[in-house]
Structure formats: structure tokens, C-alpha cells
């Protein structure tokens, strides 16, 4: 009876939340798979084989980077879907679809697009980050993590994290650690330079974790079991919902968390310390792909559509 009462109260809290609509939005030419933000520039990776860059002060698209088309199994030309992007200095790291299901990795630098890993490696790369100007860390669908120096064309390591299939990984602000998760729900922290697992956190998600974030030493997960889990050194807890959780995000200081929590593709904003539910962000047209905080007041939300929403919550 007590547990049922808690669930009813949580449901009422969600229902009573103030619903915020986007302050503005940005239109792309393909469904948005990933977004990054830097110096008043919004970078969007799309299923149309493009990285589209917007000036967030003028709201105008200022550049489109096009990845070469690929051939499908019928020999027809199709757009190379872009799975992830990352930024360092003036460089953009791009993970894109290759032929036969393999993935290519490009670096775009001052107008030049260079392929640094191609399909000859037969890598099913899902995601990659810059570690330094000439070094990247990437994850494969087989749940292997690799560290690669593309200037020296040297693979430093390629290690198997576990036998479970890969879900997601992120790196910390200092590019020293990565946090990885998979279909088991287990969350692991690794040292990037050595590939050594330094901590394995208890799996409070009892099924696949779709996405996670890691800011200011705090981890947030979004799971297939309809649970969001917050891992803090002093506080570990889960939040239960009625829908599969596909996406999550943390503010830079991790005081706020965000979860795409219902079939209307709305995003819940909550306080990670008090667990109080604060707002719900409405207006997403499809399944949320990325929740990106600029700070504790401004948030970008992309979905599997051609629109990125911008919200100001205070």
C-alpha cells in the first residue's frame, strides 16, 4: 500500500509539472543523431550525412559539412548517416556509416575532411571522442574500446569491456576517464590512457541502459527498464517511470538532471540532490536523441526529426 501511494504521488507530481515550450528551434536537413555546442555554435549530426552548424545568436545556419555518399547493397548511392560528433579546437570528429555496415571516422579541420579510420578496419564504431588534438577514444558495438593516435596512425589498445553488447559511453571534462555501459545495466569507469577499469558500479538498471551522462563526478543513466539512476559518491538512487527511457543529460555542475520520460517525448528536469521534479520540456516531434545543457538555465533537445529545440528554463 505504501509503495502504491508513493507511485501515485510521483504520478501526480509529473502531471502537475509546469510544461515549457521551446523558446526557439533550429531546422536541419536530416534527422538529428547527435549535437554539440561551443562558443555560440550548435553542431548537429544528421541521418542525411551532414554536420550542420548554426550561429545561436542569429539563429542562422552558417555551414554544412557533407560526408561523401556510400553505396547500399543494391549499389545505389545513399547518404552516410552520422552517428556521433565531437569537437576540439577547430576540429570536428565524425563517426559515419560506411559500406557493409562498417563505420568510417573523419576529422574535419579548417575546411579539409580527412578519413582517419575506414572500413578496412571492419570496425562497427558507435561513438568517438577527442582525447587530445591527435588522439581519439572510440567504442564498438561489440563492447570494445579503443585508443587511437591518428597522427601516428597507431592503435594504442583495443580492449574488451565485457561480453554484453555496447550501449553508450561518455568521457569526463578533463578527458581522463570514460564511463561505459551495456545491455547488462552495469556501469564501469575506465582510465582512458591505460584502458584499465577502475570502478564497476552496481547495476541498478536491470536491463539495457540506452544512454548515460557524466558531469562533475556524477553519473545519470536512462534505461530500458524505465529507471533513471543517479550515481553520486554520497547518494545513489533510482527514479521509476512508465515509459522506456531513451535519453538523459546533466547540467555542467550536475545539479540538474534531464530524462526523456514519456511517449509524448517530453523531457523531465529534476534536481539531482533533492530529487524534486521541476519542469517538463514539451514540443519534441520524435524519440529524443540528445539532451544538451549549456548551463543550468539553457538546454538543447534533439530528436529523431529535423528539429532541435532550445529551452530557457529560468
C-alpha atoms as a PDB file:
ATOM      1  CA  UNK A   1       0.000   0.000   0.000  1.00  0.00           C
ATOM      2  CA  UNK A   2       2.825   2.410   0.929  1.00  0.00           C
ATOM      3  CA  UNK A   3       4.668   1.730  -2.362  1.00  0.00           C
ATOM      4  CA  UNK A   4       1.438   2.278  -4.309  1.00  0.00           C
ATOM      5  CA  UNK A   5       0.937   5.606  -2.529  1.00  0.00           C
ATOM      6  CA  UNK A   6       4.462   6.707  -3.490  1.00  0.00           C
ATOM      7  CA  UNK A   7       3.811   5.853  -7.137  1.00  0.00           C
ATOM      8  CA  UNK A   8       0.527   7.779  -7.088  1.00  0.00           C
ATOM      9  CA  UNK A   9       2.249  10.833  -5.589  1.00  0.00           C
ATOM     10  CA  UNK A  10       5.032  10.668  -8.193  1.00  0.00           C
ATOM     11  CA  UNK A  11       2.434  10.434 -10.940  1.00  0.00           C
ATOM     12  CA  UNK A  12       0.618  13.484  -9.599  1.00  0.00           C
ATOM     13  CA  UNK A  13       3.908  15.397  -9.391  1.00  0.00           C
ATOM     14  CA  UNK A  14       4.619  14.637 -13.057  1.00  0.00           C
ATOM     15  CA  UNK A  15       1.102  15.630 -14.054  1.00  0.00           C
ATOM     16  CA  UNK A  16       1.334  18.933 -12.164  1.00  0.00           C
ATOM     17  CA  UNK A  17       4.682  19.968 -13.603  1.00  0.00           C
ATOM     18  CA  UNK A  18       4.926  23.261 -15.458  1.00  0.00           C
ATOM     19  CA  UNK A  19       5.187  22.484 -19.161  1.00  0.00           C
ATOM     20  CA  UNK A  20       7.644  24.638 -21.110  1.00  0.00           C
ATOM     21  CA  UNK A  21       7.593  25.043 -24.871  1.00  0.00           C
ATOM     22  CA  UNK A  22      10.747  25.803 -26.902  1.00  0.00           C
ATOM     23  CA  UNK A  23      11.946  29.383 -26.977  1.00  0.00           C
ATOM     24  CA  UNK A  24      13.219  28.713 -30.497  1.00  0.00           C
ATOM     25  CA  UNK A  25      14.272  25.836 -32.711  1.00  0.00           C
ATOM     26  CA  UNK A  26      16.769  25.010 -35.411  1.00  0.00           C
ATOM     27  CA  UNK A  27      15.855  23.186 -38.616  1.00  0.00           C
ATOM     28  CA  UNK A  28      18.166  20.595 -40.188  1.00  0.00           C
ATOM     29  CA  UNK A  29      18.028  18.646 -43.459  1.00  0.00           C
ATOM     30  CA  UNK A  30      18.039  15.216 -41.796  1.00  0.00           C
ATOM     31  CA  UNK A  31      17.011  13.508 -38.577  1.00  0.00           C
ATOM     32  CA  UNK A  32      19.349  14.627 -35.788  1.00  0.00           C
ATOM     33  CA  UNK A  33      21.532  11.908 -34.241  1.00  0.00           C
ATOM     34  CA  UNK A  34      23.906  13.975 -32.091  1.00  0.00           C
ATOM     35  CA  UNK A  35      24.525  17.596 -31.109  1.00  0.00           C
ATOM     36  CA  UNK A  36      27.406  19.572 -29.630  1.00  0.00           C
ATOM     37  CA  UNK A  37      27.717  23.220 -28.552  1.00  0.00           C
ATOM     38  CA  UNK A  38      30.726  25.528 -28.403  1.00  0.00           C
ATOM     39  CA  UNK A  39      31.205  29.311 -28.500  1.00  0.00           C
ATOM     40  CA  UNK A  40      27.680  30.182 -29.669  1.00  0.00           C
ATOM     41  CA  UNK A  41      27.783  27.462 -32.306  1.00  0.00           C
ATOM     42  CA  UNK A  42      25.409  24.496 -32.375  1.00  0.00           C
ATOM     43  CA  UNK A  43      26.670  21.462 -34.304  1.00  0.00           C
ATOM     44  CA  UNK A  44      24.137  18.867 -35.494  1.00  0.00           C
ATOM     45  CA  UNK A  45      24.949  15.415 -36.910  1.00  0.00           C
ATOM     46  CA  UNK A  46      22.198  14.111 -39.181  1.00  0.00           C
ATOM     47  CA  UNK A  47      20.998  10.985 -40.930  1.00  0.00           C
ATOM     48  CA  UNK A  48      21.404  12.934 -44.170  1.00  0.00           C
ATOM     49  CA  UNK A  49      25.192  12.681 -43.995  1.00  0.00           C
ATOM     50  CA  UNK A  50      25.673  16.253 -42.852  1.00  0.00           C
ATOM     51  CA  UNK A  51      27.093  18.178 -39.937  1.00  0.00           C
ATOM     52  CA  UNK A  52      25.111  21.413 -39.852  1.00  0.00           C
ATOM     53  CA  UNK A  53      26.417  24.378 -37.875  1.00  0.00           C
ATOM     54  CA  UNK A  54      24.192  27.142 -36.514  1.00  0.00           C
ATOM     55  CA  UNK A  55      25.032  30.529 -35.017  1.00  0.00           C
ATOM     56  CA  UNK A  56      22.890  30.533 -31.877  1.00  0.00           C
ATOM     57  CA  UNK A  57      22.984  34.330 -31.584  1.00  0.00           C
ATOM     58  CA  UNK A  58      21.494  34.923 -35.043  1.00  0.00           C
ATOM     59  CA  UNK A  59      19.708  31.530 -35.264  1.00  0.00           C
ATOM     60  CA  UNK A  60      21.068  31.100 -38.789  1.00  0.00           C
ATOM     61  CA  UNK A  61      22.713  28.067 -40.345  1.00  0.00           C
ATOM     62  CA  UNK A  62      26.237  29.163 -41.232  1.00  0.00           C
ATOM     63  CA  UNK A  63      27.825  25.987 -42.597  1.00  0.00           C
ATOM     64  CA  UNK A  64      27.038  22.475 -43.801  1.00  0.00           C
ATOM     65  CA  UNK A  65      29.709  19.769 -43.926  1.00  0.00           C
ATOM     66  CA  UNK A  66      28.735  16.895 -46.217  1.00  0.00           C
ATOM     67  CA  UNK A  67      30.147  13.387 -45.825  1.00  0.00           C
ATOM     68  CA  UNK A  68      30.536  11.517 -49.160  1.00  0.00           C
ATOM     69  CA  UNK A  69      27.615   9.260 -50.061  1.00  0.00           C
ATOM     70  CA  UNK A  70      28.043   5.488 -49.857  1.00  0.00           C
ATOM     71  CA  UNK A  71      26.665   2.546 -51.847  1.00  0.00           C
ATOM     72  CA  UNK A  72      23.953   0.327 -50.395  1.00  0.00           C
ATOM     73  CA  UNK A  73      23.686  -3.422 -51.014  1.00  0.00           C
ATOM     74  CA  UNK A  74      21.904  -2.721 -54.305  1.00  0.00           C
ATOM     75  CA  UNK A  75      24.698  -0.441 -55.493  1.00  0.00           C
ATOM     76  CA  UNK A  76      22.629   2.732 -55.153  1.00  0.00           C
ATOM     77  CA  UNK A  77      24.079   5.901 -53.643  1.00  0.00           C
ATOM     78  CA  UNK A  78      22.696   6.796 -50.222  1.00  0.00           C
ATOM     79  CA  UNK A  79      23.561   9.366 -47.581  1.00  0.00           C
ATOM     80  CA  UNK A  80      26.103   8.275 -44.980  1.00  0.00           C
ATOM     81  CA  UNK A  81      24.298   8.507 -41.645  1.00  0.00           C
ATOM     82  CA  UNK A  82      26.362  10.275 -38.992  1.00  0.00           C
ATOM     83  CA  UNK A  83      26.249   8.603 -35.573  1.00  0.00           C
ATOM     84  CA  UNK A  84      28.332  10.917 -33.397  1.00  0.00           C
ATOM     85  CA  UNK A  85      30.424  14.072 -33.455  1.00  0.00           C
ATOM     86  CA  UNK A  86      32.920  15.695 -31.102  1.00  0.00           C
ATOM     87  CA  UNK A  87      34.871  18.964 -31.020  1.00  0.00           C
ATOM     88  CA  UNK A  88      38.353  20.093 -30.072  1.00  0.00           C
ATOM     89  CA  UNK A  89      39.885  23.435 -31.057  1.00  0.00           C
ATOM     90  CA  UNK A  90      38.784  23.895 -34.704  1.00  0.00           C
ATOM     91  CA  UNK A  91      38.446  20.178 -35.407  1.00  0.00           C
ATOM     92  CA  UNK A  92      35.293  18.084 -35.705  1.00  0.00           C
ATOM     93  CA  UNK A  93      35.369  14.314 -35.171  1.00  0.00           C
ATOM     94  CA  UNK A  94      32.731  12.480 -37.210  1.00  0.00           C
ATOM     95  CA  UNK A  95      31.619   8.830 -36.957  1.00  0.00           C
ATOM     96  CA  UNK A  96      29.694   7.930 -40.130  1.00  0.00           C
ATOM     97  CA  UNK A  97      28.100   4.944 -41.798  1.00  0.00           C
ATOM     98  CA  UNK A  98      30.321   3.048 -44.230  1.00  0.00           C
ATOM     99  CA  UNK A  99      29.560   0.260 -46.675  1.00  0.00           C
ATOM    100  CA  UNK A 100      28.605  -3.252 -45.474  1.00  0.00           C
ATOM    101  CA  UNK A 101      27.555  -1.773 -42.137  1.00  0.00           C
ATOM    102  CA  UNK A 102      31.071  -0.791 -41.097  1.00  0.00           C
ATOM    103  CA  UNK A 103      31.899   2.731 -39.947  1.00  0.00           C
ATOM    104  CA  UNK A 104      34.256   5.442 -41.143  1.00  0.00           C
ATOM    105  CA  UNK A 105      35.766   8.084 -38.870  1.00  0.00           C
ATOM    106  CA  UNK A 106      36.618  11.520 -40.257  1.00  0.00           C
ATOM    107  CA  UNK A 107      38.312  14.615 -38.896  1.00  0.00           C
ATOM    108  CA  UNK A 108      37.216  17.946 -40.352  1.00  0.00           C
ATOM    109  CA  UNK A 109      39.891  20.620 -39.871  1.00  0.00           C
ATOM    110  CA  UNK A 110      39.738  24.118 -41.382  1.00  0.00           C
ATOM    111  CA  UNK A 111      37.831  23.117 -44.492  1.00  0.00           C
ATOM    112  CA  UNK A 112      39.549  19.770 -45.051  1.00  0.00           C
ATOM    113  CA  UNK A 113      37.811  16.440 -44.470  1.00  0.00           C
ATOM    114  CA  UNK A 114      40.191  13.564 -43.767  1.00  0.00           C
ATOM    115  CA  UNK A 115      39.264   9.916 -43.188  1.00  0.00           C
ATOM    116  CA  UNK A 116      41.320   8.578 -40.275  1.00  0.00           C
ATOM    117  CA  UNK A 117      39.671   5.136 -39.900  1.00  0.00           C
ATOM    118  CA  UNK A 118      37.975   3.420 -42.833  1.00  0.00           C
ATOM    119  CA  UNK A 119      36.002   0.233 -43.418  1.00  0.00           C
ATOM    120  CA  UNK A 120      39.168  -1.803 -43.999  1.00  0.00           C
ATOM    121  CA  UNK A 121      39.439  -1.955 -40.194  1.00  0.00           C
ATOM    122  CA  UNK A 122      35.979  -3.605 -40.147  1.00  0.00           C
ATOM    123  CA  UNK A 123      35.040  -1.611 -37.076  1.00  0.00           C
ATOM    124  CA  UNK A 124      31.408  -1.154 -36.069  1.00  0.00           C
ATOM    125  CA  UNK A 125      32.157   2.133 -34.317  1.00  0.00           C
ATOM    126  CA  UNK A 126      29.188   3.601 -32.490  1.00  0.00           C
ATOM    127  CA  UNK A 127      30.734   6.656 -30.871  1.00  0.00           C
ATOM    128  CA  UNK A 128      34.058   8.504 -30.539  1.00  0.00           C
ATOM    129  CA  UNK A 129      35.589  11.420 -28.647  1.00  0.00           C
ATOM    130  CA  UNK A 130      38.714  13.517 -28.947  1.00  0.00           C
ATOM    131  CA  UNK A 131      41.142  12.842 -26.096  1.00  0.00           C
ATOM    132  CA  UNK A 132      43.741  15.288 -27.396  1.00  0.00           C
ATOM    133  CA  UNK A 133      44.456  17.106 -30.643  1.00  0.00           C
ATOM    134  CA  UNK A 134      45.671  13.911 -32.338  1.00  0.00           C
ATOM    135  CA  UNK A 135      44.129  11.168 -30.233  1.00  0.00           C
ATOM    136  CA  UNK A 136      40.629   9.684 -30.073  1.00  0.00           C
ATOM    137  CA  UNK A 137      38.841   7.081 -27.973  1.00  0.00           C
ATOM    138  CA  UNK A 138      36.074   5.059 -29.608  1.00  0.00           C
ATOM    139  CA  UNK A 139      33.637   2.255 -28.767  1.00  0.00           C
ATOM    140  CA  UNK A 140      32.487  -0.643 -30.943  1.00  0.00           C
ATOM    141  CA  UNK A 141      29.111  -2.364 -30.911  1.00  0.00           C
ATOM    142  CA  UNK A 142      30.985  -5.468 -29.733  1.00  0.00           C
ATOM    143  CA  UNK A 143      31.679  -3.542 -26.491  1.00  0.00           C
ATOM    144  CA  UNK A 144      35.346  -2.963 -27.212  1.00  0.00           C
ATOM    145  CA  UNK A 145      37.017   0.366 -26.509  1.00  0.00           C
ATOM    146  CA  UNK A 146      39.998   1.627 -28.489  1.00  0.00           C
ATOM    147  CA  UNK A 147      42.507   4.455 -28.123  1.00  0.00           C
ATOM    148  CA  UNK A 148      43.958   5.660 -31.415  1.00  0.00           C
ATOM    149  CA  UNK A 149      46.562   8.268 -32.341  1.00  0.00           C
ATOM    150  CA  UNK A 150      45.561   9.283 -35.869  1.00  0.00           C
ATOM    151  CA  UNK A 151      48.621  11.454 -36.462  1.00  0.00           C
ATOM    152  CA  UNK A 152      50.910   8.475 -35.854  1.00  0.00           C
ATOM    153  CA  UNK A 153      48.301   6.013 -37.226  1.00  0.00           C
ATOM    154  CA  UNK A 154      48.846   3.953 -34.102  1.00  0.00           C
ATOM    155  CA  UNK A 155      46.250   1.946 -32.186  1.00  0.00           C
ATOM    156  CA  UNK A 156      47.353   2.113 -28.544  1.00  0.00           C
ATOM    157  CA  UNK A 157      44.894  -0.531 -27.393  1.00  0.00           C
ATOM    158  CA  UNK A 158      41.630  -2.258 -28.243  1.00  0.00           C
ATOM    159  CA  UNK A 159      40.161  -3.930 -25.170  1.00  0.00           C
ATOM    160  CA  UNK A 160      37.020  -5.944 -24.495  1.00  0.00           C
ATOM    161  CA  UNK A 161      34.921  -4.347 -21.749  1.00  0.00           C
ATOM    162  CA  UNK A 162      32.511  -7.257 -21.339  1.00  0.00           C
ATOM    163  CA  UNK A 163      30.645  -9.888 -23.339  1.00  0.00           C
ATOM    164  CA  UNK A 164      27.458  -7.788 -23.333  1.00  0.00           C
ATOM    165  CA  UNK A 165      26.600  -5.611 -26.334  1.00  0.00           C
ATOM    166  CA  UNK A 166      27.587  -1.937 -26.095  1.00  0.00           C
ATOM    167  CA  UNK A 167      25.067   0.781 -25.236  1.00  0.00           C
ATOM    168  CA  UNK A 168      26.795   4.110 -24.589  1.00  0.00           C
ATOM    169  CA  UNK A 169      29.864   5.826 -23.214  1.00  0.00           C
ATOM    170  CA  UNK A 170      30.906   9.359 -22.284  1.00  0.00           C
ATOM    171  CA  UNK A 171      34.164  10.939 -21.155  1.00  0.00           C
ATOM    172  CA  UNK A 172      34.758  13.372 -18.332  1.00  0.00           C
ATOM    173  CA  UNK A 173      35.509  17.069 -18.693  1.00  0.00           C
ATOM    174  CA  UNK A 174      39.261  16.528 -18.267  1.00  0.00           C
ATOM    175  CA  UNK A 175      39.383  13.705 -20.847  1.00  0.00           C
ATOM    176  CA  UNK A 176      40.975  11.372 -18.291  1.00  0.00           C
ATOM    177  CA  UNK A 177      38.129   8.942 -17.611  1.00  0.00           C
ATOM    178  CA  UNK A 178      35.341   7.308 -19.569  1.00  0.00           C
ATOM    179  CA  UNK A 179      32.124   5.831 -18.285  1.00  0.00           C
ATOM    180  CA  UNK A 180      30.711   2.914 -20.247  1.00  0.00           C
ATOM    181  CA  UNK A 181      27.553   0.824 -20.063  1.00  0.00           C
ATOM    182  CA  UNK A 182      25.889  -2.015 -21.950  1.00  0.00           C
ATOM    183  CA  UNK A 183      22.870  -4.324 -22.075  1.00  0.00           C
ATOM    184  CA  UNK A 184      23.701  -5.700 -18.613  1.00  0.00           C
ATOM    185  CA  UNK A 185      22.988  -2.364 -16.953  1.00  0.00           C
ATOM    186  CA  UNK A 186      26.426  -2.363 -15.310  1.00  0.00           C
ATOM    187  CA  UNK A 187      28.265   0.981 -15.354  1.00  0.00           C
ATOM    188  CA  UNK A 188      32.066   0.973 -15.490  1.00  0.00           C
ATOM    189  CA  UNK A 189      34.625   3.751 -15.089  1.00  0.00           C
ATOM    190  CA  UNK A 190      37.879   3.385 -17.063  1.00  0.00           C
ATOM    191  CA  UNK A 191      41.115   5.320 -17.279  1.00  0.00           C
ATOM    192  CA  UNK A 192      41.365   6.436 -20.906  1.00  0.00           C
ATOM    193  CA  UNK A 193      45.137   6.249 -21.324  1.00  0.00           C
ATOM    194  CA  UNK A 194      45.501   2.746 -19.887  1.00  0.00           C
ATOM    195  CA  UNK A 195      42.077   1.283 -20.636  1.00  0.00           C
ATOM    196  CA  UNK A 196      42.006  -0.041 -17.074  1.00  0.00           C
ATOM    197  CA  UNK A 197      38.647  -0.435 -15.335  1.00  0.00           C
ATOM    198  CA  UNK A 198      38.943   1.452 -12.046  1.00  0.00           C
ATOM    199  CA  UNK A 199      35.400   1.010 -10.783  1.00  0.00           C
ATOM    200  CA  UNK A 200      32.390  -1.156 -11.539  1.00  0.00           C
ATOM    201  CA  UNK A 201      29.128   0.241 -10.192  1.00  0.00           C
ATOM    202  CA  UNK A 202      26.226  -1.882  -9.045  1.00  0.00           C
ATOM    203  CA  UNK A 203      23.660  -2.369 -11.795  1.00  0.00           C
ATOM    204  CA  UNK A 204      20.525  -0.655 -10.514  1.00  0.00           C
ATOM    205  CA  UNK A 205      19.227  -0.737 -14.072  1.00  0.00           C
ATOM    206  CA  UNK A 206      18.132  -4.344 -14.559  1.00  0.00           C
ATOM    207  CA  UNK A 207      18.240  -4.226 -18.350  1.00  0.00           C
ATOM    208  CA  UNK A 208      19.983  -2.296 -21.127  1.00  0.00           C
ATOM    209  CA  UNK A 209      20.990   1.287 -20.372  1.00  0.00           C
ATOM    210  CA  UNK A 210      20.192   3.278 -23.507  1.00  0.00           C
ATOM    211  CA  UNK A 211      22.167   6.395 -22.627  1.00  0.00           C
ATOM    212  CA  UNK A 212      24.191   7.950 -19.837  1.00  0.00           C
ATOM    213  CA  UNK A 213      25.894  11.200 -18.907  1.00  0.00           C
ATOM    214  CA  UNK A 214      28.827  12.041 -16.625  1.00  0.00           C
ATOM    215  CA  UNK A 215      29.408  15.515 -15.227  1.00  0.00           C
ATOM    216  CA  UNK A 216      31.183  16.800 -12.134  1.00  0.00           C
ATOM    217  CA  UNK A 217      31.720  13.250 -10.848  1.00  0.00           C
ATOM    218  CA  UNK A 218      28.025  12.317 -11.088  1.00  0.00           C
ATOM    219  CA  UNK A 219      26.553   9.713 -13.462  1.00  0.00           C
ATOM    220  CA  UNK A 220      22.974   9.616 -14.773  1.00  0.00           C
ATOM    221  CA  UNK A 221      21.524   6.688 -16.725  1.00  0.00           C
ATOM    222  CA  UNK A 222      18.393   6.155 -18.827  1.00  0.00           C
ATOM    223  CA  UNK A 223      17.259   2.539 -19.083  1.00  0.00           C
ATOM    224  CA  UNK A 224      15.070   0.098 -20.928  1.00  0.00           C
ATOM    225  CA  UNK A 225      13.669  -0.959 -17.537  1.00  0.00           C
ATOM    226  CA  UNK A 226      12.091   2.529 -17.211  1.00  0.00           C
ATOM    227  CA  UNK A 227      14.538   3.556 -14.500  1.00  0.00           C
ATOM    228  CA  UNK A 228      16.839   6.546 -14.315  1.00  0.00           C
ATOM    229  CA  UNK A 229      19.737   6.026 -11.918  1.00  0.00           C
ATOM    230  CA  UNK A 230      21.866   8.729 -10.302  1.00  0.00           C
ATOM    231  CA  UNK A 231      25.291   7.616  -9.091  1.00  0.00           C
ATOM    232  CA  UNK A 232      26.861  10.101  -6.687  1.00  0.00           C
ATOM    233  CA  UNK A 233      29.587   9.332  -4.177  1.00  0.00           C
ATOM    234  CA  UNK A 234      27.243  10.209  -1.330  1.00  0.00           C
ATOM    235  CA  UNK A 235      23.885   9.429  -2.893  1.00  0.00           C
ATOM    236  CA  UNK A 236      22.800   6.618  -5.198  1.00  0.00           C
ATOM    237  CA  UNK A 237      19.148   6.280  -6.156  1.00  0.00           C
ATOM    238  CA  UNK A 238      16.766   5.415  -8.980  1.00  0.00           C
ATOM    239  CA  UNK A 239      13.652   7.116 -10.347  1.00  0.00           C
ATOM    240  CA  UNK A 240      10.889   4.977 -11.833  1.00  0.00           C
ATOM    241  CA  UNK A 241       8.764   5.927 -14.829  1.00  0.00           C
ATOM    242  CA  UNK A 242       6.066   4.358 -17.009  1.00  0.00           C
ATOM    243  CA  UNK A 243       7.922   4.518 -20.324  1.00  0.00           C
ATOM    244  CA  UNK A 244      11.232   3.404 -21.822  1.00  0.00           C
ATOM    245  CA  UNK A 245      13.939   5.996 -21.121  1.00  0.00           C
ATOM    246  CA  UNK A 246      15.937   6.656 -24.282  1.00  0.00           C
ATOM    247  CA  UNK A 247      17.889   9.791 -23.404  1.00  0.00           C
ATOM    248  CA  UNK A 248      19.293  11.722 -20.460  1.00  0.00           C
ATOM    249  CA  UNK A 249      21.593  14.631 -19.667  1.00  0.00           C
ATOM    250  CA  UNK A 250      23.239  16.530 -16.806  1.00  0.00           C
ATOM    251  CA  UNK A 251      23.921  20.223 -16.373  1.00  0.00           C
ATOM    252  CA  UNK A 252      27.641  21.154 -16.261  1.00  0.00           C
ATOM    253  CA  UNK A 253      27.720  21.141 -12.438  1.00  0.00           C
ATOM    254  CA  UNK A 254      25.338  18.128 -12.336  1.00  0.00           C
ATOM    255  CA  UNK A 255      22.871  19.949 -10.094  1.00  0.00           C
ATOM    256  CA  UNK A 256      20.141  19.274 -12.667  1.00  0.00           C
ATOM    257  CA  UNK A 257      19.276  16.091 -14.485  1.00  0.00           C
ATOM    258  CA  UNK A 258      17.072  15.578 -17.531  1.00  0.00           C
ATOM    259  CA  UNK A 259      15.208  12.467 -18.683  1.00  0.00           C
ATOM    260  CA  UNK A 260      13.088  11.872 -21.787  1.00  0.00           C
ATOM    261  CA  UNK A 261      10.359  10.135 -19.824  1.00  0.00           C
ATOM    262  CA  UNK A 262       7.099   9.580 -21.713  1.00  0.00           C
ATOM    263  CA  UNK A 263       5.557   8.682 -25.063  1.00  0.00           C
ATOM    264  CA  UNK A 264       4.958  12.373 -25.826  1.00  0.00           C
ATOM    265  CA  UNK A 265       8.765  12.744 -25.957  1.00  0.00           C
ATOM    266  CA  UNK A 266       8.705  15.257 -23.133  1.00  0.00           C
ATOM    267  CA  UNK A 267      11.822  15.855 -21.027  1.00  0.00           C
ATOM    268  CA  UNK A 268      11.723  15.979 -17.232  1.00  0.00           C
ATOM    269  CA  UNK A 269      14.090  18.382 -15.458  1.00  0.00           C
ATOM    270  CA  UNK A 270      14.831  17.444 -11.842  1.00  0.00           C
ATOM    271  CA  UNK A 271      17.163  18.418  -9.011  1.00  0.00           C
ATOM    272  CA  UNK A 272      19.742  15.661  -8.584  1.00  0.00           C
ATOM    273  CA  UNK A 273      20.254  16.393  -4.862  1.00  0.00           C
ATOM    274  CA  UNK A 274      16.685  16.884  -3.636  1.00  0.00           C
ATOM    275  CA  UNK A 275      15.093  14.652  -6.337  1.00  0.00           C
ATOM    276  CA  UNK A 276      12.449  17.343  -6.825  1.00  0.00           C
ATOM    277  CA  UNK A 277      10.775  17.410 -10.245  1.00  0.00           C
ATOM    278  CA  UNK A 278      10.977  20.932 -11.664  1.00  0.00           C
ATOM    279  CA  UNK A 279       9.811  21.219 -15.290  1.00  0.00           C
ATOM    280  CA  UNK A 280       8.832  19.223 -18.316  1.00  0.00           C
ATOM    281  CA  UNK A 281      10.018  20.321 -21.749  1.00  0.00           C
ATOM    282  CA  UNK A 282       7.439  19.748 -24.485  1.00  0.00           C
ATOM    283  CA  UNK A 283       7.448  20.075 -28.262  1.00  0.00           C
ATOM    284  CA  UNK A 284       9.680  17.187 -29.413  1.00  0.00           C
ATOM    285  CA  UNK A 285       8.291  15.536 -32.548  1.00  0.00           C
ATOM    286  CA  UNK A 286      10.028  12.151 -32.237  1.00  0.00           C
ATOM    287  CA  UNK A 287      12.145   9.998 -29.927  1.00  0.00           C
ATOM    288  CA  UNK A 288      14.691  12.184 -28.137  1.00  0.00           C
ATOM    289  CA  UNK A 289      18.285  11.561 -29.243  1.00  0.00           C
ATOM    290  CA  UNK A 290      20.246  14.073 -27.142  1.00  0.00           C
ATOM    291  CA  UNK A 291      19.678  16.425 -24.202  1.00  0.00           C
ATOM    292  CA  UNK A 292      22.437  19.029 -24.023  1.00  0.00           C
ATOM    293  CA  UNK A 293      22.718  21.611 -21.251  1.00  0.00           C
ATOM    294  CA  UNK A 294      24.616  24.819 -21.997  1.00  0.00           C
ATOM    295  CA  UNK A 295      24.292  25.767 -18.327  1.00  0.00           C
ATOM    296  CA  UNK A 296      21.653  25.356 -15.632  1.00  0.00           C
ATOM    297  CA  UNK A 297      19.224  27.616 -17.498  1.00  0.00           C
ATOM    298  CA  UNK A 298      19.571  26.738 -21.185  1.00  0.00           C
ATOM    299  CA  UNK A 299      19.018  23.370 -22.842  1.00  0.00           C
ATOM    300  CA  UNK A 300      19.031  21.957 -26.363  1.00  0.00           C
ATOM    301  CA  UNK A 301      16.920  18.880 -27.103  1.00  0.00           C
ATOM    302  CA  UNK A 302      17.267  16.960 -30.361  1.00  0.00           C
ATOM    303  CA  UNK A 303      15.050  14.141 -31.543  1.00  0.00           C
ATOM    304  CA  UNK A 304      14.897  11.692 -34.415  1.00  0.00           C
ATOM    305  CA  UNK A 305      13.460  14.518 -36.525  1.00  0.00           C
ATOM    306  CA  UNK A 306      14.736  17.560 -38.394  1.00  0.00           C
ATOM    307  CA  UNK A 307      14.245  19.953 -35.490  1.00  0.00           C
ATOM    308  CA  UNK A 308      16.373  20.896 -32.481  1.00  0.00           C
ATOM    309  CA  UNK A 309      14.535  22.684 -29.682  1.00  0.00           C
ATOM    310  CA  UNK A 310      16.078  25.308 -27.415  1.00  0.00           C
ATOM    311  CA  UNK A 311      14.618  25.908 -23.950  1.00  0.00           C
ATOM    312  CA  UNK A 312      15.265  28.585 -21.375  1.00  0.00           C
ATOM    313  CA  UNK A 313      14.014  27.318 -18.041  1.00  0.00           C
ATOM    314  CA  UNK A 314      14.534  30.408 -15.854  1.00  0.00           C
END
